[in-house]
N, C-alpha and C. Protein backbone atom coordinates (compact mmCIF):
# COMPACT_ATOMS: atom_id res chain seq x y z
N UNK A 1 45.91 -161.42 86.99
CA UNK A 1 45.13 -162.10 87.64
C UNK A 1 44.56 -161.97 88.85
N UNK A 2 43.08 -161.62 89.13
CA UNK A 2 43.13 -161.58 90.58
C UNK A 2 41.95 -162.64 91.16
N UNK A 3 42.25 -163.04 92.31
CA UNK A 3 41.78 -164.52 92.83
C UNK A 3 41.38 -163.91 93.58
N UNK A 4 39.56 -164.25 93.69
CA UNK A 4 38.89 -164.54 95.16
C UNK A 4 38.97 -165.59 95.53
N UNK A 5 38.98 -165.67 96.67
CA UNK A 5 39.55 -167.77 97.15
C UNK A 5 38.57 -168.12 98.33
N UNK A 6 38.13 -169.41 98.73
CA UNK A 6 37.92 -170.18 99.37
C UNK A 6 38.67 -170.73 99.83
N UNK A 7 39.02 -171.31 100.75
CA UNK A 7 39.45 -172.55 101.77
C UNK A 7 38.67 -173.62 101.22
N UNK A 8 39.45 -174.26 100.47
CA UNK A 8 38.71 -175.67 100.51
C UNK A 8 39.11 -177.34 101.56
N UNK A 9 39.07 -176.93 102.42
CA UNK A 9 39.16 -178.41 103.70
C UNK A 9 40.48 -177.60 104.18
N UNK A 10 40.89 -179.20 104.85
CA UNK A 10 42.47 -178.86 105.73
C UNK A 10 43.48 -178.93 103.95
N UNK A 11 44.40 -178.37 104.48
CA UNK A 11 45.33 -178.48 103.51
C UNK A 11 46.95 -178.47 104.55
N UNK A 12 48.29 -179.02 104.04
CA UNK A 12 49.53 -178.95 104.58
C UNK A 12 49.91 -177.65 104.25
N UNK A 13 50.72 -176.84 104.87
CA UNK A 13 51.77 -175.33 104.42
C UNK A 13 50.99 -174.56 104.42
N UNK A 14 50.08 -174.25 105.48
CA UNK A 14 49.16 -173.55 105.37
C UNK A 14 49.68 -171.99 105.72
N UNK A 15 50.99 -172.01 106.38
CA UNK A 15 51.55 -170.50 106.75
C UNK A 15 52.29 -169.88 104.50
N UNK A 16 52.55 -171.32 104.63
CA UNK A 16 53.43 -171.12 103.10
C UNK A 16 52.21 -170.76 102.19
N UNK A 17 51.10 -171.12 102.34
CA UNK A 17 49.87 -170.34 101.14
C UNK A 17 49.65 -169.16 101.38
N UNK A 18 49.62 -168.91 102.80
CA UNK A 18 49.15 -167.77 102.73
C UNK A 18 50.03 -166.48 102.37
N UNK A 19 50.83 -166.95 102.68
CA UNK A 19 52.22 -165.79 101.77
C UNK A 19 52.83 -165.69 101.03
N UNK A 20 52.77 -166.81 100.32
CA UNK A 20 52.46 -167.26 98.78
C UNK A 20 50.91 -166.33 97.94
N UNK A 21 50.08 -166.49 98.81
CA UNK A 21 48.45 -165.68 98.28
C UNK A 21 48.88 -164.39 97.96
N UNK A 22 49.29 -164.43 99.10
CA UNK A 22 49.78 -162.63 99.26
C UNK A 22 50.54 -162.17 98.07
N UNK A 23 51.95 -162.71 98.52
CA UNK A 23 52.55 -162.21 97.06
C UNK A 23 52.21 -162.37 95.86
N UNK A 24 51.10 -162.97 95.55
CA UNK A 24 50.84 -163.44 94.48
C UNK A 24 49.36 -162.77 94.28
N UNK A 25 48.84 -161.95 95.28
CA UNK A 25 47.72 -160.82 94.78
C UNK A 25 48.29 -159.61 94.53
N UNK A 26 49.51 -158.89 95.83
CA UNK A 26 50.16 -157.93 95.28
C UNK A 26 50.68 -158.07 93.72
N UNK A 27 51.49 -158.71 93.32
CA UNK A 27 52.10 -158.69 92.14
C UNK A 27 50.84 -158.34 91.11
N UNK A 28 49.50 -159.68 91.03
CA UNK A 28 48.35 -158.88 90.43
C UNK A 28 47.71 -157.71 90.59
N UNK A 29 47.91 -157.30 91.87
CA UNK A 29 47.53 -155.39 91.54
C UNK A 29 48.42 -154.93 90.46
N UNK A 30 49.66 -154.83 90.97
CA UNK A 30 50.96 -153.99 89.60
C UNK A 30 50.61 -154.06 88.61
N UNK A 31 50.25 -155.81 88.29
CA UNK A 31 50.42 -156.21 86.98
C UNK A 31 49.12 -155.71 85.90
N UNK A 32 47.98 -155.31 86.92
CA UNK A 32 46.70 -154.52 86.95
C UNK A 32 47.20 -152.84 85.92
N UNK A 33 48.20 -152.70 87.08
CA UNK A 33 48.41 -151.03 86.50
C UNK A 33 49.08 -150.91 85.07
N UNK A 34 50.32 -152.41 85.23
CA UNK A 34 51.15 -152.38 84.24
C UNK A 34 50.33 -152.87 82.82
N UNK A 35 49.30 -153.50 82.93
CA UNK A 35 48.59 -153.60 81.89
C UNK A 35 47.94 -152.61 80.78
N UNK A 36 47.40 -151.96 81.92
CA UNK A 36 46.45 -150.64 81.88
C UNK A 36 47.39 -149.49 81.41
N UNK A 37 48.65 -149.51 81.96
CA UNK A 37 49.48 -148.75 80.86
C UNK A 37 50.32 -149.07 79.35
N UNK A 38 50.02 -150.37 79.41
CA UNK A 38 50.43 -150.95 77.87
C UNK A 38 49.40 -150.36 77.24
N UNK A 39 48.17 -150.85 77.60
CA UNK A 39 47.22 -150.43 76.49
C UNK A 39 47.23 -148.69 76.27
N UNK A 40 47.59 -148.10 77.46
CA UNK A 40 47.76 -146.64 76.73
C UNK A 40 48.92 -146.26 76.09
N UNK A 41 50.37 -147.41 76.44
CA UNK A 41 51.23 -147.35 75.83
C UNK A 41 50.88 -147.43 73.48
N UNK A 42 49.92 -149.08 73.71
CA UNK A 42 49.80 -149.31 72.31
C UNK A 42 48.84 -148.34 71.69
N UNK A 43 48.15 -147.41 72.29
CA UNK A 43 47.55 -146.23 71.59
C UNK A 43 47.86 -145.40 71.21
N UNK A 44 49.26 -145.25 71.80
CA UNK A 44 49.87 -144.25 71.41
C UNK A 44 51.02 -144.43 70.78
N UNK A 45 51.60 -145.66 69.95
CA UNK A 45 52.41 -146.34 69.36
C UNK A 45 51.65 -146.42 67.82
N UNK A 46 50.30 -146.97 68.18
CA UNK A 46 50.03 -146.60 66.54
C UNK A 46 49.53 -145.63 66.58
N UNK A 47 49.06 -144.18 67.05
CA UNK A 47 48.86 -143.07 66.37
C UNK A 47 50.63 -142.53 65.72
N UNK A 48 51.28 -142.99 66.48
CA UNK A 48 52.73 -142.33 65.97
C UNK A 48 53.62 -143.28 64.72
N UNK A 49 52.94 -144.70 65.10
CA UNK A 49 53.46 -145.27 63.48
C UNK A 49 52.49 -145.02 61.90
N UNK A 50 51.18 -144.37 62.76
CA UNK A 50 50.54 -144.20 61.73
C UNK A 50 50.98 -142.99 61.01
N UNK A 51 51.55 -141.92 61.55
CA UNK A 51 52.09 -140.70 61.25
C UNK A 51 53.30 -141.22 60.14
N UNK A 52 54.50 -142.26 61.27
CA UNK A 52 55.14 -142.80 60.37
C UNK A 52 55.55 -143.21 59.15
N UNK A 53 54.20 -143.84 58.84
CA UNK A 53 53.60 -144.44 57.57
C UNK A 53 53.62 -143.59 56.25
N UNK A 54 53.22 -142.10 57.11
CA UNK A 54 52.20 -141.55 56.21
C UNK A 54 53.67 -140.48 55.40
N UNK A 55 54.57 -140.27 56.78
CA UNK A 55 56.11 -139.52 56.47
C UNK A 55 56.42 -140.38 55.42
N UNK A 56 56.84 -141.66 55.53
CA UNK A 56 57.55 -142.19 54.34
C UNK A 56 56.70 -142.20 52.48
N UNK A 57 55.98 -142.02 53.47
CA UNK A 57 54.93 -142.62 51.94
C UNK A 57 54.49 -141.36 51.26
N UNK A 58 55.06 -139.98 51.15
CA UNK A 58 54.95 -138.58 51.28
C UNK A 58 56.35 -138.55 50.16
N UNK A 59 56.10 -137.81 48.98
CA UNK A 59 56.98 -137.30 48.28
C UNK A 59 57.99 -136.05 48.81
N UNK A 60 59.19 -136.37 48.76
CA UNK A 60 59.98 -135.63 49.13
C UNK A 60 59.64 -134.05 49.16
N UNK A 61 59.48 -133.80 48.36
CA UNK A 61 58.99 -132.16 47.89
C UNK A 61 57.63 -131.97 48.69
N UNK A 62 56.89 -132.57 49.42
CA UNK A 62 55.92 -132.65 50.10
C UNK A 62 56.26 -131.86 50.98
N UNK A 63 57.07 -130.27 51.24
CA UNK A 63 57.59 -130.29 52.68
C UNK A 63 56.83 -129.82 53.85
N UNK A 64 56.07 -129.17 53.73
CA UNK A 64 55.03 -128.73 54.78
C UNK A 64 54.01 -130.17 55.46
N UNK A 65 53.45 -131.06 54.35
CA UNK A 65 52.88 -132.00 54.97
C UNK A 65 53.93 -132.84 56.25
N UNK A 66 55.09 -133.39 55.35
CA UNK A 66 56.28 -133.63 56.48
C UNK A 66 56.79 -133.13 57.68
N UNK A 67 56.93 -132.25 57.49
CA UNK A 67 57.12 -131.38 58.42
C UNK A 67 56.53 -131.36 60.41
N UNK A 68 54.45 -131.63 59.20
CA UNK A 68 53.76 -131.12 59.83
C UNK A 68 53.40 -132.62 61.09
N UNK A 69 53.53 -133.71 59.94
CA UNK A 69 53.62 -134.97 60.78
C UNK A 69 54.80 -135.59 61.46
N UNK A 70 55.96 -134.65 60.79
CA UNK A 70 56.88 -135.31 62.18
C UNK A 70 56.98 -134.78 63.17
N UNK A 71 56.20 -133.22 63.57
CA UNK A 71 56.07 -132.65 64.96
C UNK A 71 54.77 -133.44 65.42
N UNK A 72 53.73 -134.41 65.07
CA UNK A 72 53.14 -134.85 65.75
C UNK A 72 53.56 -136.37 66.52
N UNK A 73 54.41 -136.75 65.22
CA UNK A 73 55.24 -137.94 65.97
C UNK A 73 55.96 -138.38 67.00
N UNK A 74 57.08 -136.66 66.85
CA UNK A 74 57.76 -136.87 67.78
C UNK A 74 57.50 -136.83 69.35
N UNK A 75 55.54 -135.80 69.34
CA UNK A 75 55.44 -135.53 70.25
C UNK A 75 54.53 -137.09 70.65
N UNK A 76 54.47 -138.39 70.21
CA UNK A 76 53.87 -139.31 70.39
C UNK A 76 55.02 -140.12 70.76
N UNK A 77 56.40 -140.02 70.26
CA UNK A 77 57.72 -140.72 70.74
C UNK A 77 57.90 -140.39 71.84
N UNK A 78 57.94 -138.95 72.44
CA UNK A 78 57.82 -138.77 73.92
C UNK A 78 57.14 -139.49 74.69
N UNK A 79 55.75 -139.21 74.62
CA UNK A 79 55.06 -139.70 75.13
C UNK A 79 55.36 -141.36 75.76
N UNK A 80 55.63 -141.61 74.90
CA UNK A 80 56.03 -143.48 74.73
C UNK A 80 57.29 -143.70 75.53
N UNK A 81 58.34 -142.99 75.25
CA UNK A 81 59.45 -143.03 76.15
C UNK A 81 58.87 -142.34 77.50
N UNK A 82 58.52 -142.04 77.67
CA UNK A 82 58.00 -141.87 79.33
C UNK A 82 57.31 -142.99 79.81
N UNK A 83 55.97 -143.37 79.15
CA UNK A 83 55.10 -144.84 79.17
C UNK A 83 56.25 -145.84 79.47
N UNK A 84 57.28 -145.87 78.97
CA UNK A 84 57.80 -147.28 78.45
C UNK A 84 58.79 -147.56 79.88
N UNK A 85 59.08 -146.42 80.34
CA UNK A 85 59.98 -146.65 81.73
C UNK A 85 58.84 -146.64 82.75
N UNK A 86 57.90 -145.92 82.77
CA UNK A 86 56.41 -146.56 84.01
C UNK A 86 56.41 -147.74 84.25
N UNK A 87 56.12 -148.32 82.86
CA UNK A 87 55.80 -150.14 82.52
C UNK A 87 56.90 -150.96 83.03
N UNK A 88 58.09 -150.22 82.24
CA UNK A 88 59.35 -151.42 82.88
C UNK A 88 59.52 -151.10 84.73
N UNK A 89 58.87 -149.74 85.21
CA UNK A 89 59.33 -150.11 86.92
C UNK A 89 58.19 -150.48 87.18
N UNK A 90 56.57 -151.25 86.61
CA UNK A 90 55.75 -151.58 86.87
C UNK A 90 55.84 -153.32 87.08
N UNK A 91 56.03 -153.34 85.66
CA UNK A 91 56.56 -155.01 85.98
C UNK A 91 57.67 -155.55 86.96
N UNK A 92 58.78 -155.00 86.88
CA UNK A 92 59.59 -155.07 87.79
C UNK A 92 59.12 -155.31 89.68
N UNK A 93 58.46 -154.44 89.69
CA UNK A 93 58.18 -154.66 91.07
C UNK A 93 56.69 -155.94 91.48
N UNK A 94 56.35 -156.06 90.02
CA UNK A 94 55.50 -157.31 90.09
C UNK A 94 56.41 -158.59 90.14
N UNK A 95 57.40 -158.36 89.20
CA UNK A 95 58.09 -159.76 89.48
C UNK A 95 59.32 -160.15 90.77
N UNK A 96 59.57 -158.47 91.29
CA UNK A 96 59.65 -158.97 92.73
C UNK A 96 59.38 -159.21 93.64
N UNK A 97 57.99 -159.11 93.86
CA UNK A 97 57.08 -159.95 94.68
C UNK A 97 57.00 -161.47 94.46
N UNK A 98 56.72 -161.80 92.68
CA UNK A 98 56.71 -163.29 92.54
C UNK A 98 58.17 -163.73 93.14
N UNK A 99 59.44 -163.32 93.05
CA UNK A 99 60.64 -163.78 92.68
C UNK A 99 60.80 -163.44 94.50
N UNK A 100 59.93 -162.94 95.15
CA UNK A 100 60.17 -163.11 96.87
C UNK A 100 59.86 -164.26 97.55
N UNK A 101 58.78 -164.69 96.84
CA UNK A 101 58.23 -166.45 96.96
C UNK A 101 59.12 -167.44 96.90
N UNK A 102 60.49 -167.74 96.60
CA UNK A 102 61.05 -168.41 96.24
C UNK A 102 61.67 -169.24 97.45
N UNK A 103 62.19 -168.26 98.73
CA UNK A 103 62.26 -168.90 100.34
C UNK A 103 61.36 -170.01 100.43
N UNK A 104 60.17 -169.02 100.16
CA UNK A 104 58.95 -169.84 100.84
C UNK A 104 58.35 -171.24 100.26
N UNK A 105 58.61 -171.26 98.97
CA UNK A 105 58.17 -172.27 98.23
C UNK A 105 59.46 -173.36 99.18
N UNK A 106 60.87 -172.98 99.08
CA UNK A 106 61.54 -174.02 99.34
C UNK A 106 60.90 -175.09 100.98
N UNK A 107 60.03 -173.93 101.41
CA UNK A 107 59.56 -174.47 103.09
C UNK A 107 58.07 -175.62 102.80
N UNK A 108 57.69 -175.79 101.38
CA UNK A 108 56.65 -176.11 101.25
C UNK A 108 57.02 -177.78 101.18
N UNK A 109 56.01 -178.56 102.04
CA UNK A 109 56.23 -180.08 102.44
C UNK A 109 55.67 -181.17 101.40
N UNK A 110 54.39 -180.39 101.06
CA UNK A 110 53.90 -180.97 99.91
C UNK A 110 54.49 -181.61 98.65
N UNK A 111 54.46 -182.05 98.47
CA UNK A 111 55.64 -182.30 97.36
C UNK A 111 55.13 -181.60 95.57
N UNK A 112 53.75 -181.96 95.74
CA UNK A 112 53.20 -181.27 94.60
C UNK A 112 52.42 -180.07 94.12
N UNK A 113 52.27 -179.42 95.32
CA UNK A 113 52.27 -177.75 96.10
C UNK A 113 53.66 -177.17 95.61
N UNK A 114 54.45 -177.97 96.42
CA UNK A 114 56.25 -177.59 95.73
C UNK A 114 56.34 -177.37 93.95
N UNK A 115 56.01 -178.18 93.75
CA UNK A 115 56.42 -177.81 92.63
C UNK A 115 55.49 -176.85 91.54
N UNK A 116 54.28 -177.20 92.41
CA UNK A 116 53.23 -175.68 90.97
C UNK A 116 53.03 -174.99 91.29
N UNK A 117 54.19 -174.57 92.50
CA UNK A 117 55.03 -172.98 93.56
C UNK A 117 55.56 -172.45 92.61
N UNK A 118 56.78 -173.72 92.53
CA UNK A 118 57.56 -173.67 92.04
C UNK A 118 57.74 -173.10 90.24
N UNK A 119 56.82 -173.95 89.67
CA UNK A 119 56.63 -173.32 88.27
C UNK A 119 56.42 -172.14 87.91
N UNK A 120 54.94 -171.36 89.19
CA UNK A 120 54.42 -169.90 88.88
C UNK A 120 55.76 -169.07 89.03
N UNK A 121 56.61 -169.52 90.00
CA UNK A 121 58.27 -168.21 89.59
C UNK A 121 58.99 -168.56 88.93
N UNK A 122 58.73 -169.89 88.19
CA UNK A 122 59.67 -170.42 87.01
C UNK A 122 59.09 -168.93 85.72
N UNK A 123 58.37 -169.45 85.52
CA UNK A 123 57.35 -168.38 84.66
C UNK A 123 56.97 -166.91 84.63
N UNK A 124 57.34 -166.53 85.63
CA UNK A 124 57.16 -165.49 86.37
C UNK A 124 58.44 -164.76 85.53
N UNK A 125 59.91 -165.73 86.14
CA UNK A 125 61.45 -165.46 85.44
C UNK A 125 61.87 -165.42 83.76
N UNK A 126 60.47 -166.43 83.44
CA UNK A 126 60.71 -166.15 81.68
C UNK A 126 60.12 -164.93 80.86
N UNK A 127 58.66 -164.82 82.31
CA UNK A 127 58.19 -163.40 81.57
C UNK A 127 58.99 -162.39 81.84
N UNK A 128 59.69 -162.29 83.14
CA UNK A 128 60.52 -161.02 83.13
C UNK A 128 61.54 -160.57 82.51
N UNK A 129 62.38 -161.98 81.86
CA UNK A 129 63.36 -162.14 81.43
C UNK A 129 62.82 -161.55 79.73
N UNK A 130 61.74 -162.28 79.42
CA UNK A 130 61.34 -161.20 77.70
C UNK A 130 60.83 -159.93 77.63
N UNK A 131 59.89 -159.31 78.81
CA UNK A 131 59.45 -158.31 78.81
C UNK A 131 61.05 -157.13 79.04
N UNK A 132 62.49 -157.80 79.80
CA UNK A 132 63.53 -156.96 79.57
C UNK A 132 64.09 -156.81 77.90
N UNK A 133 64.03 -157.92 77.30
CA UNK A 133 64.07 -157.95 75.87
C UNK A 133 62.85 -156.94 74.86
N UNK A 134 62.08 -156.63 75.04
CA UNK A 134 61.10 -156.42 75.07
C UNK A 134 60.89 -154.81 75.36
N UNK A 135 61.25 -154.64 76.11
CA UNK A 135 61.25 -152.93 76.60
C UNK A 135 62.91 -152.23 75.74
N UNK A 136 64.08 -153.63 76.22
CA UNK A 136 65.03 -153.01 75.39
C UNK A 136 65.07 -152.16 74.24
N UNK A 137 64.14 -153.61 72.89
CA UNK A 137 64.38 -153.34 71.49
C UNK A 137 63.35 -152.16 71.49
N UNK A 138 62.20 -151.52 72.26
CA UNK A 138 61.16 -150.54 72.27
C UNK A 138 62.13 -149.34 72.24
N UNK A 139 62.80 -149.36 73.52
CA UNK A 139 63.08 -148.19 73.19
C UNK A 139 64.21 -148.08 72.77
N UNK A 140 65.15 -149.25 71.66
CA UNK A 140 65.89 -148.94 70.49
C UNK A 140 64.48 -148.20 69.63
N UNK A 141 63.89 -148.82 69.29
CA UNK A 141 63.07 -148.55 68.45
C UNK A 141 63.02 -146.91 68.26
N UNK A 142 62.07 -146.74 69.59
CA UNK A 142 61.92 -145.01 69.15
C UNK A 142 62.95 -144.03 68.99
N UNK A 143 64.10 -144.93 69.34
CA UNK A 143 65.87 -143.85 69.06
C UNK A 143 65.92 -144.09 68.16
N UNK A 144 65.81 -144.67 67.51
CA UNK A 144 65.54 -145.01 65.33
C UNK A 144 64.89 -143.56 65.08
N UNK A 145 63.43 -144.00 65.33
CA UNK A 145 62.52 -143.13 64.96
C UNK A 145 62.84 -142.17 64.97
N UNK A 146 63.38 -141.29 66.32
CA UNK A 146 63.49 -140.15 66.95
C UNK A 146 64.79 -139.25 66.50
N UNK A 147 65.85 -140.50 65.79
CA UNK A 147 66.71 -139.96 64.75
C UNK A 147 66.32 -139.63 63.28
N UNK A 148 65.14 -140.57 62.94
CA UNK A 148 64.86 -140.76 61.49
C UNK A 148 64.23 -138.75 61.22
N UNK A 149 62.97 -138.88 62.62
CA UNK A 149 62.86 -137.70 62.30
C UNK A 149 63.35 -135.85 62.78
N UNK A 150 64.23 -136.57 63.20
CA UNK A 150 65.44 -135.10 63.68
C UNK A 150 66.18 -134.93 61.94
N UNK A 151 66.48 -136.23 61.61
CA UNK A 151 66.89 -136.09 60.12
C UNK A 151 66.24 -135.28 59.25
N UNK A 152 64.65 -135.86 58.96
CA UNK A 152 63.78 -134.92 58.09
C UNK A 152 63.85 -133.49 58.21
N UNK A 153 63.41 -133.08 59.93
CA UNK A 153 63.53 -132.13 59.91
C UNK A 153 64.40 -131.51 59.36
N UNK A 154 65.14 -131.70 59.61
CA UNK A 154 66.64 -130.98 58.84
C UNK A 154 67.06 -130.54 57.67
N UNK A 155 66.17 -131.57 56.92
CA UNK A 155 65.84 -131.51 55.62
C UNK A 155 67.59 -132.08 55.69
N UNK A 156 68.43 -133.05 55.92
CA UNK A 156 69.87 -133.01 56.21
C UNK A 156 70.17 -134.77 56.20
N UNK A 157 70.01 -135.23 54.70
CA UNK A 157 69.70 -136.41 54.76
C UNK A 157 69.49 -136.40 53.23
N UNK A 158 70.54 -138.02 53.22
CA UNK A 158 70.79 -138.78 51.19
C UNK A 158 69.15 -140.17 51.63
N UNK A 159 69.04 -140.02 50.36
CA UNK A 159 67.91 -141.40 50.48
C UNK A 159 67.95 -142.31 50.38
N UNK A 160 69.14 -142.82 50.30
CA UNK A 160 70.08 -143.81 50.35
C UNK A 160 70.17 -144.48 51.80
N UNK A 161 70.55 -143.30 52.86
CA UNK A 161 70.47 -143.23 54.17
C UNK A 161 69.09 -143.66 55.00
N UNK A 162 68.07 -142.61 54.33
CA UNK A 162 66.87 -142.80 54.76
C UNK A 162 66.50 -143.83 55.23
N UNK A 163 66.43 -144.66 53.99
CA UNK A 163 65.73 -146.00 53.13
C UNK A 163 67.06 -147.33 54.39
N UNK A 164 67.81 -147.15 54.62
CA UNK A 164 68.90 -148.18 55.59
C UNK A 164 68.27 -148.15 56.62
N UNK A 165 67.61 -146.71 56.83
CA UNK A 165 66.73 -146.54 58.24
C UNK A 165 65.41 -147.64 58.52
N UNK A 166 64.90 -147.04 57.64
CA UNK A 166 63.83 -147.23 57.21
C UNK A 166 63.97 -148.66 57.38
N UNK A 167 64.34 -149.51 57.00
CA UNK A 167 64.63 -150.92 56.99
C UNK A 167 64.95 -151.32 58.66
N UNK A 168 66.25 -150.32 58.73
CA UNK A 168 66.54 -151.06 60.31
C UNK A 168 65.15 -150.58 61.14
N UNK A 169 64.35 -149.76 61.13
CA UNK A 169 63.37 -149.53 62.02
C UNK A 169 61.81 -150.92 62.00
N UNK A 170 61.87 -150.92 60.85
CA UNK A 170 61.19 -152.43 60.46
C UNK A 170 61.49 -153.43 60.91
N UNK A 171 62.98 -153.63 60.99
CA UNK A 171 63.55 -154.98 61.70
C UNK A 171 63.12 -154.84 62.96
N UNK A 172 64.04 -154.14 63.83
CA UNK A 172 63.21 -153.67 64.99
C UNK A 172 62.12 -154.33 65.59
N UNK A 173 61.00 -153.74 64.93
CA UNK A 173 59.72 -154.08 65.55
C UNK A 173 59.09 -155.94 64.89
N UNK A 174 59.41 -155.75 63.60
CA UNK A 174 59.48 -157.25 63.60
C UNK A 174 59.93 -157.95 64.86
N UNK A 175 60.92 -158.01 65.00
CA UNK A 175 61.62 -158.27 66.75
C UNK A 175 60.30 -158.42 67.91
N UNK A 176 59.95 -157.05 68.05
CA UNK A 176 59.33 -156.50 69.18
C UNK A 176 58.13 -157.72 68.99
N UNK A 177 57.71 -157.99 67.83
CA UNK A 177 56.27 -158.81 67.51
C UNK A 177 56.35 -159.75 67.60
N UNK A 178 57.67 -160.53 67.87
CA UNK A 178 58.38 -162.25 68.06
C UNK A 178 57.98 -162.43 69.79
N UNK A 179 58.78 -160.68 70.22
CA UNK A 179 58.78 -161.13 71.74
C UNK A 179 57.37 -160.74 72.51
N UNK A 180 56.64 -160.13 71.74
CA UNK A 180 55.39 -160.10 72.25
C UNK A 180 55.08 -160.73 72.51
N UNK A 181 54.38 -161.81 71.28
CA UNK A 181 53.58 -162.88 71.31
C UNK A 181 54.20 -163.91 72.88
N UNK A 182 55.74 -164.12 72.19
CA UNK A 182 56.27 -165.23 73.27
C UNK A 182 55.53 -164.93 74.90
N UNK A 183 55.62 -163.73 75.64
CA UNK A 183 55.69 -162.30 76.49
C UNK A 183 53.86 -163.34 76.73
N UNK A 184 53.37 -163.38 75.67
CA UNK A 184 51.91 -163.50 76.07
C UNK A 184 51.60 -164.88 76.48
N UNK A 185 52.25 -165.89 75.03
CA UNK A 185 52.02 -167.52 75.26
C UNK A 185 52.11 -167.92 76.91
N UNK A 186 53.44 -166.92 77.47
CA UNK A 186 53.73 -167.13 78.79
C UNK A 186 53.21 -166.69 79.59
N UNK A 187 52.39 -165.44 79.30
CA UNK A 187 51.58 -164.92 80.78
C UNK A 187 50.07 -165.63 80.48
N UNK A 188 49.56 -166.32 79.55
CA UNK A 188 48.84 -167.19 79.68
C UNK A 188 49.41 -168.79 80.43
N UNK A 189 50.90 -168.81 80.23
CA UNK A 189 51.05 -170.45 81.50
C UNK A 189 51.13 -169.98 82.62
N UNK A 190 51.11 -168.99 82.92
CA UNK A 190 51.58 -167.82 84.44
C UNK A 190 50.53 -168.27 84.58
N UNK A 191 49.43 -167.55 84.11
CA UNK A 191 47.75 -167.44 84.77
C UNK A 191 47.41 -169.36 85.57
N UNK A 192 47.45 -169.56 84.12
CA UNK A 192 47.33 -170.76 84.31
C UNK A 192 47.87 -172.00 85.56
N UNK A 193 49.07 -171.35 85.74
CA UNK A 193 49.83 -172.56 86.78
C UNK A 193 49.53 -171.41 88.51
N UNK A 194 49.30 -169.87 88.04
CA UNK A 194 48.46 -169.59 89.69
C UNK A 194 47.47 -170.89 89.60
N UNK A 195 46.60 -171.08 89.05
CA UNK A 195 45.02 -171.16 89.24
C UNK A 195 45.69 -172.75 89.83
N UNK A 196 46.57 -173.59 88.83
CA UNK A 196 46.82 -175.04 89.50
C UNK A 196 47.53 -175.00 90.67
N UNK A 197 48.33 -174.29 91.13
CA UNK A 197 49.30 -173.81 92.34
C UNK A 197 47.54 -174.13 93.57
N UNK A 198 46.82 -172.69 93.58
CA UNK A 198 45.94 -172.52 93.84
C UNK A 198 45.21 -173.77 94.23
N UNK A 199 44.66 -174.53 93.35
CA UNK A 199 44.22 -176.10 93.84
C UNK A 199 44.77 -176.89 94.27
N UNK A 200 46.19 -177.02 94.37
CA UNK A 200 46.68 -177.98 94.90
C UNK A 200 46.90 -177.86 96.22
N UNK A 201 47.02 -175.88 96.63
CA UNK A 201 47.01 -175.80 97.77
C UNK A 201 45.78 -175.88 98.83
N UNK A 202 44.88 -176.56 97.80
CA UNK A 202 43.12 -176.82 98.48
C UNK A 202 42.34 -175.46 98.54
N UNK A 203 42.55 -174.88 97.70
CA UNK A 203 42.09 -173.21 97.05
C UNK A 203 41.38 -173.45 96.06
N UNK A 204 40.50 -172.77 96.33
CA UNK A 204 38.90 -172.72 95.22
C UNK A 204 39.03 -171.65 94.63
N UNK A 205 39.15 -171.31 93.16
CA UNK A 205 39.05 -169.70 92.78
C UNK A 205 37.51 -169.96 92.53
N UNK A 206 36.88 -169.24 92.58
CA UNK A 206 35.59 -168.80 93.31
C UNK A 206 35.47 -167.42 91.98
N UNK A 207 36.20 -166.73 91.94
CA UNK A 207 36.18 -165.89 90.43
C UNK A 207 37.63 -165.10 90.24
N UNK A 208 37.63 -164.24 88.80
CA UNK A 208 39.36 -163.98 88.82
C UNK A 208 38.80 -162.83 87.73
N UNK A 209 39.89 -162.08 87.67
CA UNK A 209 39.95 -161.61 86.42
C UNK A 209 41.25 -160.62 86.11
N UNK A 210 41.34 -161.89 85.12
CA UNK A 210 42.30 -161.72 84.35
C UNK A 210 42.88 -161.03 83.56
N UNK A 211 43.82 -160.15 83.19
CA UNK A 211 44.59 -158.75 82.42
C UNK A 211 45.74 -159.46 82.34
N UNK A 212 45.85 -160.00 80.66
CA UNK A 212 47.38 -160.17 80.04
C UNK A 212 47.38 -158.89 79.77
N UNK A 213 49.15 -158.56 79.81
CA UNK A 213 49.81 -157.74 79.44
C UNK A 213 50.11 -157.68 77.75
């Protein structure tokens, strides 16, 4: 979320407000890149997932079609691995900017401002914790898919083992979906908390670009 702010009159803790505003602005710029990366990641993920569904729907005797789909899916899998590393780096940078606010928040004299700023930091910490879990699950899902494709490509497998792998992959994707939904809920709360802090600090939100990951 990128804010254009106007000073709304005299207020306390001017130095703290300026410092916090700077950190939040820096974090928002990084999150904008993070959101763009997530959008790209989502597109590639959907392409791989469609191929994955095609592969498991094919008859085991349709070797040529299976092998062709596997090669394409493996490329998308690799692209996701790379994009996921970049996304993790960007979100960590955004988190670091906000977490660096803590010493400044402690110096705020105005009780309402301090409480509002603390809430922003707290929600960012929750988002960071959730994203770490999501990223870890995503990496695990990609690794499972990679092994699945590898076994199919070599045609060295037992149907019962493949069924077990498919069940595990689906379970991990269900976990990812749940974590993503919770992350998005916290993101909405986080964006709202930033607006509330600025209002308590005597700053008016003129316009905003809200980019949820």
